[in-house]
């Protein structure tokens, strides 16, 4: 089994739970820029506290890679949120989830990670799982002009998130600690999310409804990022990042088990493909 797989699986579960909480916040009417700002305000002090408690927060040069990741995460999430305003979720969500293909390509081309048969099979199964689990969702109709804009925004979001995850591997390879790297990310994401919300609303005061969901998301998201960083310190990004980004398996399983969403052949096939992808990537 590839090194770091169990940590990557833990990250996958945490990031999937963060998605669920984010969806719950959206369901009660919290606007995306309010949610991101409240999440950033909870996330930044949580990172600092984690670093102080573990004694791993330090000023090192690799923190700059975390700052770069923060910039690309902000670009990704803002474009993703904006694309969903006019685009169909059945198109936008699968495109965004394909960010792991960008990370894998960068890891193979720039870091020289091997592209094995097991890895190719795992990536193919993951792509099919994305299409099966997310491609069948109903989305809002949009005009051709707005659909084109939404598609461009979704592609930007996908590429930016792929680069951000690649920077996690670079930071981990530099011998950095999760607290320092993620603190660098928070140092950039915090002011950008706050400034963006102020530009949109001319005020920086998230509604009360945003705090509970955003605070919980920040803690779960932090744990997921720590696990992802630790996994990348042990193994290949082209194996582990695709696993961490398959949190949609968690959301789909939760919906069927606890929300009584209907089980369809398509969903069953998607979950089967996801499990096959995890097995192939673990063996690569």
Protein backbone atom coordinates (compact mmCIF):
# COMPACT_ATOMS: atom_id res chain seq x y z
CA UNK A 1 0.00 0.00 0.00
CA UNK A 2 1.24 3.49 -0.85
CA UNK A 3 2.58 5.50 2.08
CA UNK A 4 0.27 8.10 3.57
CA UNK A 5 -2.94 6.51 2.28
CA UNK A 6 -4.61 6.26 5.69
CA UNK A 7 -3.88 9.92 6.40
CA UNK A 8 -5.26 10.84 2.98
CA UNK A 9 -8.43 8.85 3.70
CA UNK A 10 -8.84 10.77 6.95
CA UNK A 11 -8.43 14.02 5.05
CA UNK A 12 -11.04 12.85 2.53
CA UNK A 13 -13.58 12.24 5.30
CA UNK A 14 -12.91 15.62 6.94
CA UNK A 15 -13.14 17.55 3.67
CA UNK A 16 -16.32 15.69 2.80
CA UNK A 17 -17.84 16.66 6.16
CA UNK A 18 -16.80 20.28 5.54
CA UNK A 19 -18.71 20.14 2.25
CA UNK A 20 -21.79 18.90 4.07
CA UNK A 21 -21.67 21.76 6.57
CA UNK A 22 -21.10 24.25 3.76
CA UNK A 23 -24.17 22.93 1.94
CA UNK A 24 -26.20 23.22 5.16
CA UNK A 25 -25.15 26.85 5.51
CA UNK A 26 -26.15 27.56 1.92
CA UNK A 27 -29.51 25.84 2.52
CA UNK A 28 -30.40 28.26 5.33
CA UNK A 29 -29.52 31.26 3.18
CA UNK A 30 -25.93 32.14 4.12
CA UNK A 31 -24.27 33.87 1.17
CA UNK A 32 -20.97 32.34 -0.04
CA UNK A 33 -18.83 35.45 0.64
CA UNK A 34 -20.29 35.74 4.15
CA UNK A 35 -19.58 32.06 4.80
CA UNK A 36 -15.99 32.32 3.53
CA UNK A 37 -15.28 35.42 5.62
CA UNK A 38 -16.72 33.89 8.81
CA UNK A 39 -14.81 30.69 8.11
CA UNK A 40 -11.57 32.64 7.67
CA UNK A 41 -12.13 34.52 10.93
CA UNK A 42 -12.54 31.20 12.76
CA UNK A 43 -9.86 29.36 10.78
CA UNK A 44 -6.96 31.78 11.36
CA UNK A 45 -7.01 31.75 15.18
CA UNK A 46 -7.61 27.99 15.15
CA UNK A 47 -4.43 27.49 13.11
CA UNK A 48 -2.39 29.69 15.45
CA UNK A 49 -3.77 27.88 18.51
CA UNK A 50 -2.99 24.50 16.94
CA UNK A 51 0.56 25.61 16.21
CA UNK A 52 1.12 26.95 19.73
CA UNK A 53 -0.31 23.86 21.42
CA UNK A 54 1.78 21.48 19.29
CA UNK A 55 4.84 23.73 19.39
CA UNK A 56 5.20 23.53 15.59
CA UNK A 57 4.45 27.13 14.59
CA UNK A 58 7.63 28.78 13.34
CA UNK A 59 8.71 31.46 10.91
CA UNK A 60 10.42 29.59 8.09
CA UNK A 61 10.80 30.26 4.38
CA UNK A 62 8.46 27.43 3.39
CA UNK A 63 5.61 29.43 4.94
CA UNK A 64 5.69 31.38 1.67
CA UNK A 65 4.45 28.26 -0.11
CA UNK A 66 1.50 28.32 2.29
CA UNK A 67 0.88 31.97 1.40
CA UNK A 68 0.80 30.96 -2.25
CA UNK A 69 -1.66 28.18 -1.46
CA UNK A 70 -3.87 30.69 0.36
CA UNK A 71 -3.99 32.92 -2.70
CA UNK A 72 -4.92 30.05 -5.02
CA UNK A 73 -7.52 28.65 -2.58
CA UNK A 74 -9.18 32.07 -2.45
CA UNK A 75 -9.19 32.34 -6.26
CA UNK A 76 -10.65 28.83 -6.48
CA UNK A 77 -13.44 29.27 -3.94
CA UNK A 78 -14.53 32.71 -5.14
CA UNK A 79 -14.72 31.60 -8.76
CA UNK A 80 -16.51 28.41 -7.76
CA UNK A 81 -19.11 30.35 -5.77
CA UNK A 82 -19.59 32.88 -8.59
CA UNK A 83 -19.93 30.16 -11.21
CA UNK A 84 -22.77 28.54 -9.26
CA UNK A 85 -24.81 31.76 -9.45
CA UNK A 86 -25.46 31.34 -13.18
CA UNK A 87 -24.18 27.88 -14.07
CA UNK A 88 -25.72 24.44 -13.66
CA UNK A 89 -24.43 22.59 -10.60
CA UNK A 90 -24.53 19.36 -12.65
CA UNK A 91 -21.76 20.88 -14.80
CA UNK A 92 -19.92 23.15 -12.38
CA UNK A 93 -19.45 20.71 -9.47
CA UNK A 94 -17.83 17.90 -11.51
CA UNK A 95 -15.47 20.39 -13.18
CA UNK A 96 -14.37 21.77 -9.82
CA UNK A 97 -13.86 18.28 -8.41
CA UNK A 98 -11.45 17.51 -11.25
CA UNK A 99 -8.83 19.76 -9.62
CA UNK A 100 -6.90 16.64 -8.61
CA UNK A 101 -6.06 16.05 -12.29
CA UNK A 102 -4.19 19.39 -12.33
CA UNK A 103 -2.29 18.43 -9.17
CA UNK A 104 -1.41 15.03 -10.60
CA UNK A 105 -0.17 16.54 -13.88
CA UNK A 106 2.02 19.04 -12.02
CA UNK A 107 3.42 16.32 -9.74
CA UNK A 108 4.30 14.10 -12.70
CA UNK A 109 5.74 16.90 -14.86
CA UNK A 110 7.54 19.00 -12.24
CA UNK A 111 8.36 16.54 -9.46
CA UNK A 112 9.03 13.51 -11.65
CA UNK A 113 6.50 11.25 -9.93
CA UNK A 114 5.92 8.06 -11.95
CA UNK A 115 2.67 7.48 -13.84
CA UNK A 116 2.01 3.78 -13.23
CA UNK A 117 -0.76 1.55 -14.56
CA UNK A 118 -2.42 1.39 -11.13
CA UNK A 119 -2.31 5.17 -10.88
CA UNK A 120 -3.86 5.61 -14.32
CA UNK A 121 -6.57 3.09 -13.47
CA UNK A 122 -7.30 4.90 -10.21
CA UNK A 123 -7.54 8.30 -11.89
CA UNK A 124 -9.84 6.89 -14.58
CA UNK A 125 -12.11 5.32 -11.95
CA UNK A 126 -12.12 8.58 -9.95
CA UNK A 127 -13.13 10.58 -13.04
CA UNK A 128 -15.97 8.14 -13.72
CA UNK A 129 -17.08 8.34 -10.08
CA UNK A 130 -17.21 12.15 -10.28
CA UNK A 131 -19.36 11.99 -13.40
CA UNK A 132 -21.73 9.37 -11.96
CA UNK A 133 -22.19 10.93 -8.50
CA UNK A 134 -22.29 14.60 -9.49
CA UNK A 135 -23.25 14.66 -13.14
CA UNK A 136 -26.83 13.65 -12.46
CA UNK A 137 -27.68 16.55 -10.15
CA UNK A 138 -30.31 18.94 -11.34
CA UNK A 139 -29.01 22.41 -12.02
CA UNK A 140 -30.56 25.77 -12.68
CA UNK A 141 -31.04 26.75 -16.25
CA UNK A 142 -28.89 29.50 -17.65
CA UNK A 143 -28.62 31.42 -20.86
CA UNK A 144 -25.80 30.63 -23.32
CA UNK A 145 -23.92 33.80 -22.37
CA UNK A 146 -24.05 33.22 -18.63
CA UNK A 147 -23.33 29.51 -19.11
CA UNK A 148 -20.11 30.39 -20.94
CA UNK A 149 -19.06 32.76 -18.15
CA UNK A 150 -19.87 30.15 -15.50
CA UNK A 151 -17.84 27.54 -17.38
CA UNK A 152 -14.80 29.83 -17.53
CA UNK A 153 -15.11 30.58 -13.81
CA UNK A 154 -15.40 26.86 -13.02
CA UNK A 155 -12.27 26.08 -15.05
CA UNK A 156 -10.37 28.84 -13.25
CA UNK A 157 -11.54 27.43 -9.91
CA UNK A 158 -10.48 23.91 -10.89
CA UNK A 159 -7.00 25.02 -12.02
CA UNK A 160 -6.45 27.23 -8.96
CA UNK A 161 -7.41 24.49 -6.50
CA UNK A 162 -5.17 22.04 -8.35
CA UNK A 163 -2.22 24.42 -8.00
CA UNK A 164 -3.01 25.02 -4.30
CA UNK A 165 -2.92 21.28 -3.58
CA UNK A 166 0.35 20.98 -5.51
CA UNK A 167 1.86 23.69 -3.30
CA UNK A 168 0.92 21.55 -0.29
CA UNK A 169 3.18 18.84 -1.66
CA UNK A 170 5.99 21.33 -2.27
CA UNK A 171 5.69 22.64 1.29
CA UNK A 172 5.63 19.13 2.73
CA UNK A 173 8.65 18.12 0.64
CA UNK A 174 10.54 21.11 2.06
CA UNK A 175 10.28 19.54 5.50
CA UNK A 176 7.70 21.99 6.79
CA UNK A 177 5.16 21.50 9.54
CA UNK A 178 1.40 21.64 8.90
CA UNK A 179 0.90 24.49 11.39
CA UNK A 180 3.44 26.78 9.73
CA UNK A 181 2.33 26.04 6.17
CA UNK A 182 -1.39 26.40 6.94
CA UNK A 183 -0.71 29.57 8.96
CA UNK A 184 0.82 31.01 5.80
CA UNK A 185 -2.32 30.04 3.91
CA UNK A 186 -4.54 31.68 6.55
CA UNK A 187 -2.41 34.83 6.52
CA UNK A 188 -3.39 35.41 2.89
CA UNK A 189 -6.89 33.92 2.83
CA UNK A 190 -8.08 35.90 5.88
CA UNK A 191 -7.55 39.43 4.49
CA UNK A 192 -8.63 38.50 0.96
CA UNK A 193 -11.94 36.97 2.08
CA UNK A 194 -12.62 39.92 4.39
CA UNK A 195 -11.80 42.48 1.71
CA UNK A 196 -13.95 40.71 -0.86
CA UNK A 197 -16.95 40.65 1.48
CA UNK A 198 -16.49 44.34 2.21
CA UNK A 199 -16.34 45.16 -1.50
CA UNK A 200 -19.56 43.25 -2.12
CA UNK A 201 -21.56 44.54 0.87
CA UNK A 202 -19.59 47.60 2.01
CA UNK A 203 -19.39 46.08 5.46
CA UNK A 204 -17.46 43.26 7.11
CA UNK A 205 -20.04 41.82 9.49
CA UNK A 206 -21.22 38.28 8.68
CA UNK A 207 -24.81 37.48 9.69
CA UNK A 208 -25.34 35.49 12.88
CA UNK A 209 -26.41 32.40 10.94
CA UNK A 210 -22.97 32.18 9.32
CA UNK A 211 -20.98 31.77 12.52
CA UNK A 212 -22.10 28.35 13.76
CA UNK A 213 -21.70 26.63 10.41
CA UNK A 214 -18.55 28.51 9.42
CA UNK A 215 -16.89 27.85 12.77
CA UNK A 216 -17.56 24.12 12.60
CA UNK A 217 -16.39 24.04 8.99
CA UNK A 218 -13.16 25.81 9.93
CA UNK A 219 -12.29 23.18 12.56
CA UNK A 220 -13.12 20.21 10.34
CA UNK A 221 -11.34 21.85 7.39
CA UNK A 222 -8.24 22.48 9.51
CA UNK A 223 -8.09 18.83 10.57
CA UNK A 224 -8.49 17.76 6.95
CA UNK A 225 -5.68 20.04 5.78
CA UNK A 226 -3.36 18.83 8.54
CA UNK A 227 -4.00 15.21 7.57
CA UNK A 228 -3.48 16.01 3.88
CA UNK A 229 -0.19 17.78 4.61
CA UNK A 230 1.05 14.90 6.76
CA UNK A 231 0.11 12.40 4.06
CA UNK A 232 1.98 14.39 1.41
CA UNK A 233 5.07 14.42 3.64
CA UNK A 234 5.07 10.63 3.31
CA UNK A 235 3.91 9.86 -0.23
CA UNK A 236 3.27 11.02 -3.77
CA UNK A 237 0.92 13.88 -4.58
CA UNK A 238 -0.30 12.10 -7.72
CA UNK A 239 -1.62 9.29 -5.48
CA UNK A 240 -2.70 11.05 -2.30
CA UNK A 241 -4.30 14.28 -3.55
CA UNK A 242 -6.89 12.44 -5.69
CA UNK A 243 -7.85 10.45 -2.58
CA UNK A 244 -8.21 13.56 -0.41
CA UNK A 245 -10.36 15.26 -3.04
CA UNK A 246 -12.91 12.44 -3.19
CA UNK A 247 -14.90 13.85 -0.30
CA UNK A 248 -17.97 13.74 -2.55
CA UNK A 249 -18.13 10.03 -1.62
CA UNK A 250 -18.77 11.06 1.99
CA UNK A 251 -21.51 13.52 1.03
CA UNK A 252 -23.21 10.98 -1.23
CA UNK A 253 -23.08 8.22 1.39
CA UNK A 254 -24.33 10.58 4.11
CA UNK A 255 -27.24 11.70 1.96
CA UNK A 256 -28.39 8.15 1.34
CA UNK A 257 -27.82 6.83 4.88
CA UNK A 258 -29.04 9.73 7.01
CA UNK A 259 -31.06 12.05 4.77
CA UNK A 260 -32.96 9.21 3.09
CA UNK A 261 -32.02 10.36 -0.39
CA UNK A 262 -33.01 7.75 -2.98
CA UNK A 263 -30.47 5.11 -3.92
CA UNK A 264 -30.18 4.92 -7.68
CA UNK A 265 -28.21 2.71 -10.02
CA UNK A 266 -26.15 5.75 -10.99
CA UNK A 267 -25.25 6.51 -7.36
CA UNK A 268 -24.42 2.87 -6.71
CA UNK A 269 -22.16 2.80 -9.75
CA UNK A 270 -20.50 6.03 -8.66
CA UNK A 271 -19.74 4.71 -5.18
CA UNK A 272 -18.41 1.45 -6.66
CA UNK A 273 -16.12 3.41 -9.00
CA UNK A 274 -14.95 5.57 -6.10
CA UNK A 275 -14.04 2.49 -4.05
CA UNK A 276 -12.23 1.02 -7.07
CA UNK A 277 -10.33 4.29 -7.49
CA UNK A 278 -9.25 4.28 -3.84
CA UNK A 279 -8.08 0.67 -4.12
CA UNK A 280 -6.08 1.33 -7.30
CA UNK A 281 -4.46 4.48 -5.92
CA UNK A 282 -3.58 2.69 -2.67
CA UNK A 283 -1.86 -0.06 -4.65
CA UNK A 284 0.06 2.28 -6.97
